[in-house]
Amino acid sequence: QLQASGGGLVQSGGSLRLSCEGPLFTLAHYSMAWFRQAPGKEREEVSCISGADGSTYYLDSVKGRFLISSDDAKNTVYLQMSSLNSEDTAVYYCAATIYWCSWSEHHYNDWGQGTLVTVSS
């Protein structure tokens, strides 16, 4: 139900913008999050934007480098990633919940298929 895109290969220090579209429902009514899972590691939440008031939340390691935003007209949520490093290499997933943002993945009901981000050094 969610479609994530925008991943790819980028050099260390570079930037990428991920997109998450929700063709079957209105994303503005949901809190939207980006998660990532690196090889051999557990999935972790990177960022979330609240559907209630637009508040944003970030994992400490990406603060100041990543920016989550939404475009209601396009029904799309973005994750702008800058100053990428090898530790950002992962499959990135978008997820939605009708409730507030949460750091628990079990809080989210709908998931995209994932898009791979590879940062080369």
C-alpha atoms as a PDB file:
ATOM      1  CA  GLN A   1       0.000   0.000   0.000  1.00  0.00           C
ATOM      2  CA  LEU A   2       2.994   2.289   0.419  1.00  0.00           C
ATOM      3  CA  GLN A   3       5.551   2.716  -2.328  1.00  0.00           C
ATOM      4  CA  ALA A   4       9.076   3.731  -1.393  1.00  0.00           C
ATOM      5  CA  SER A   5      11.567   4.848  -4.003  1.00  0.00           C
ATOM      6  CA  GLY A   6      14.676   6.927  -4.497  1.00  0.00           C
ATOM      7  CA  GLY A   7      17.368   4.619  -3.209  1.00  0.00           C
ATOM      8  CA  GLY A   8      20.587   4.031  -5.035  1.00  0.00           C
ATOM      9  CA  LEU A   9      24.363   4.149  -4.890  1.00  0.00           C
ATOM     10  CA  VAL A  10      25.930   7.345  -3.632  1.00  0.00           C
ATOM     11  CA  GLN A  11      29.403   8.338  -2.560  1.00  0.00           C
ATOM     12  CA  SER A  12      30.214   9.189   1.007  1.00  0.00           C
ATOM     13  CA  GLY A  13      29.254  12.784   1.675  1.00  0.00           C
ATOM     14  CA  GLY A  14      26.586  12.735  -0.988  1.00  0.00           C
ATOM     15  CA  SER A  15      22.831  13.152  -0.832  1.00  0.00           C
ATOM     16  CA  LEU A  16      19.695  11.246  -1.774  1.00  0.00           C
ATOM     17  CA  ARG A  17      16.010  11.911  -1.451  1.00  0.00           C
ATOM     18  CA  LEU A  18      13.670   9.047  -0.727  1.00  0.00           C
ATOM     19  CA  SER A  19       9.994   9.220  -1.546  1.00  0.00           C
ATOM     20  CA  CYS A  20       7.036   7.367  -0.094  1.00  0.00           C
ATOM     21  CA  GLU A  21       3.734   7.434  -1.896  1.00  0.00           C
ATOM     22  CA  GLY A  22       0.428   6.153  -0.614  1.00  0.00           C
ATOM     23  CA  PRO A  23      -1.815   5.644  -3.611  1.00  0.00           C
ATOM     24  CA  LEU A  24      -4.530   3.948  -1.599  1.00  0.00           C
ATOM     25  CA  PHE A  25      -4.973   6.445   1.235  1.00  0.00           C
ATOM     26  CA  THR A  26      -4.323  10.039   2.245  1.00  0.00           C
ATOM     27  CA  LEU A  27      -0.950  10.226   3.937  1.00  0.00           C
ATOM     28  CA  ALA A  28      -1.801  13.544   5.614  1.00  0.00           C
ATOM     29  CA  HIS A  29      -4.124  11.615   7.912  1.00  0.00           C
ATOM     30  CA  TYR A  30      -1.287   9.426   9.150  1.00  0.00           C
ATOM     31  CA  SER A  31       1.953   9.727  11.032  1.00  0.00           C
ATOM     32  CA  MET A  32       4.648   8.623   8.631  1.00  0.00           C
ATOM     33  CA  ALA A  33       7.989   7.129   9.510  1.00  0.00           C
ATOM     34  CA  TRP A  34      11.148   5.993   7.794  1.00  0.00           C
ATOM     35  CA  PHE A  35      12.941   2.913   9.077  1.00  0.00           C
ATOM     36  CA  ARG A  36      16.121   1.294   7.883  1.00  0.00           C
ATOM     37  CA  GLN A  37      17.735  -2.080   8.204  1.00  0.00           C
ATOM     38  CA  ALA A  38      21.424  -2.524   7.610  1.00  0.00           C
ATOM     39  CA  PRO A  39      22.906  -5.943   6.840  1.00  0.00           C
ATOM     40  CA  GLY A  40      23.090  -8.043   9.984  1.00  0.00           C
ATOM     41  CA  LYS A  41      21.357  -5.424  12.098  1.00  0.00           C
ATOM     42  CA  GLU A  42      17.883  -4.901  13.442  1.00  0.00           C
ATOM     43  CA  ARG A  43      15.523  -2.492  11.796  1.00  0.00           C
ATOM     44  CA  GLU A  44      15.606   0.968  13.355  1.00  0.00           C
ATOM     45  CA  GLU A  45      13.463   4.009  13.013  1.00  0.00           C
ATOM     46  CA  VAL A  46      15.173   6.960  11.431  1.00  0.00           C
ATOM     47  CA  SER A  47      12.527   9.639  11.428  1.00  0.00           C
ATOM     48  CA  CYS A  48       8.846  10.329  11.798  1.00  0.00           C
ATOM     49  CA  ILE A  49       6.479  13.150  10.961  1.00  0.00           C
ATOM     50  CA  SER A  50       3.293  13.462  12.942  1.00  0.00           C
ATOM     51  CA  GLY A  51       0.011  13.507  11.090  1.00  0.00           C
ATOM     52  CA  ALA A  52      -1.578  15.514  13.898  1.00  0.00           C
ATOM     53  CA  ASP A  53       0.673  18.572  13.973  1.00  0.00           C
ATOM     54  CA  GLY A  54       3.609  17.988  11.647  1.00  0.00           C
ATOM     55  CA  SER A  55       6.109  17.511  14.460  1.00  0.00           C
ATOM     56  CA  THR A  56       9.217  15.694  13.354  1.00  0.00           C
ATOM     57  CA  TYR A  57      11.493  13.264  15.144  1.00  0.00           C
ATOM     58  CA  TYR A  58      14.933  11.948  14.266  1.00  0.00           C
ATOM     59  CA  LEU A  59      17.330   9.250  15.320  1.00  0.00           C
ATOM     60  CA  ASP A  60      20.284  10.951  17.005  1.00  0.00           C
ATOM     61  CA  SER A  61      22.761   9.727  14.413  1.00  0.00           C
ATOM     62  CA  VAL A  62      20.896  11.430  11.560  1.00  0.00           C
ATOM     63  CA  LYS A  63      19.963  14.702  13.236  1.00  0.00           C
ATOM     64  CA  GLY A  64      21.164  17.627  11.191  1.00  0.00           C
ATOM     65  CA  ARG A  65      21.706  15.414   8.144  1.00  0.00           C
ATOM     66  CA  PHE A  66      18.245  14.022   7.342  1.00  0.00           C
ATOM     67  CA  LEU A  67      15.041  15.940   6.850  1.00  0.00           C
ATOM     68  CA  ILE A  68      11.564  14.430   6.717  1.00  0.00           C
ATOM     69  CA  SER A  69       8.802  16.334   4.982  1.00  0.00           C
ATOM     70  CA  SER A  70       5.462  15.806   3.345  1.00  0.00           C
ATOM     71  CA  ASP A  71       3.706  17.156   0.293  1.00  0.00           C
ATOM     72  CA  ASP A  72       0.001  16.722   0.811  1.00  0.00           C
ATOM     73  CA  ALA A  73      -0.813  17.736  -2.745  1.00  0.00           C
ATOM     74  CA  LYS A  74       1.353  14.906  -4.048  1.00  0.00           C
ATOM     75  CA  ASN A  75       0.399  12.534  -1.227  1.00  0.00           C
ATOM     76  CA  THR A  76       4.079  11.879  -0.730  1.00  0.00           C
ATOM     77  CA  VAL A  77       6.468  11.867   2.212  1.00  0.00           C
ATOM     78  CA  TYR A  78      10.150  12.505   1.632  1.00  0.00           C
ATOM     79  CA  LEU A  79      13.368  11.792   3.434  1.00  0.00           C
ATOM     80  CA  GLN A  80      16.125  14.102   2.307  1.00  0.00           C
ATOM     81  CA  MET A  81      19.452  12.587   3.294  1.00  0.00           C
ATOM     82  CA  SER A  82      22.691  14.549   3.242  1.00  0.00           C
ATOM     83  CA  SER A  83      26.268  13.985   4.330  1.00  0.00           C
ATOM     84  CA  LEU A  84      25.752  10.283   3.878  1.00  0.00           C
ATOM     85  CA  ASN A  85      28.300   7.847   5.244  1.00  0.00           C
ATOM     86  CA  SER A  86      28.786   4.100   5.120  1.00  0.00           C
ATOM     87  CA  GLU A  87      26.740   3.604   8.287  1.00  0.00           C
ATOM     88  CA  ASP A  88      23.701   4.888   6.407  1.00  0.00           C
ATOM     89  CA  THR A  89      23.856   1.936   4.025  1.00  0.00           C
ATOM     90  CA  ALA A  90      20.620   0.017   4.505  1.00  0.00           C
ATOM     91  CA  VAL A  91      17.257  -0.848   3.072  1.00  0.00           C
ATOM     92  CA  TYR A  92      14.945   2.028   3.900  1.00  0.00           C
ATOM     93  CA  TYR A  93      11.252   1.482   4.538  1.00  0.00           C
ATOM     94  CA  CYS A  94       8.403   3.897   4.969  1.00  0.00           C
ATOM     95  CA  ALA A  95       5.605   3.085   7.367  1.00  0.00           C
ATOM     96  CA  ALA A  96       2.317   4.602   8.428  1.00  0.00           C
ATOM     97  CA  THR A  97       0.169   4.712  11.518  1.00  0.00           C
ATOM     98  CA  ILE A  98      -3.113   6.465  12.127  1.00  0.00           C
ATOM     99  CA  TYR A  99      -1.851   7.354  15.583  1.00  0.00           C
ATOM    100  CA  TRP A 100       1.113   9.392  16.839  1.00  0.00           C
ATOM    101  CA  CYS A 101       4.753   8.801  16.063  1.00  0.00           C
ATOM    102  CA  SER A 102       6.387   6.011  17.995  1.00  0.00           C
ATOM    103  CA  TRP A 103       9.858   4.507  18.172  1.00  0.00           C
ATOM    104  CA  SER A 104       8.354   1.034  18.039  1.00  0.00           C
ATOM    105  CA  GLU A 105       7.924  -0.584  14.652  1.00  0.00           C
ATOM    106  CA  HIS A 106       4.962  -2.515  16.013  1.00  0.00           C
ATOM    107  CA  HIS A 107       3.101   0.788  16.184  1.00  0.00           C
ATOM    108  CA  TYR A 108       2.958   0.991  12.400  1.00  0.00           C
ATOM    109  CA  ASN A 109       0.364  -0.842  10.368  1.00  0.00           C
ATOM    110  CA  ASP A 110       1.296  -0.201   6.773  1.00  0.00           C
ATOM    111  CA  TRP A 111       4.716  -0.643   5.215  1.00  0.00           C
ATOM    112  CA  GLY A 112       6.372   0.008   1.926  1.00  0.00           C
ATOM    113  CA  GLN A 113       8.532  -2.541   0.167  1.00  0.00           C
ATOM    114  CA  GLY A 114      11.875  -0.915   0.952  1.00  0.00           C
ATOM    115  CA  THR A 115      14.440   0.867  -1.154  1.00  0.00           C
ATOM    116  CA  LEU A 116      18.162   0.159  -0.948  1.00  0.00           C
ATOM    117  CA  VAL A 117      20.613   2.926  -0.153  1.00  0.00           C
ATOM    118  CA  THR A 118      24.276   2.095  -0.603  1.00  0.00           C
ATOM    119  CA  VAL A 119      26.933   4.595   0.428  1.00  0.00           C
ATOM    120  CA  SER A 120      30.375   3.955  -0.979  1.00  0.00           C
ATOM    121  CA  SER A 121      33.509   5.267   0.707  1.00  0.00           C
END
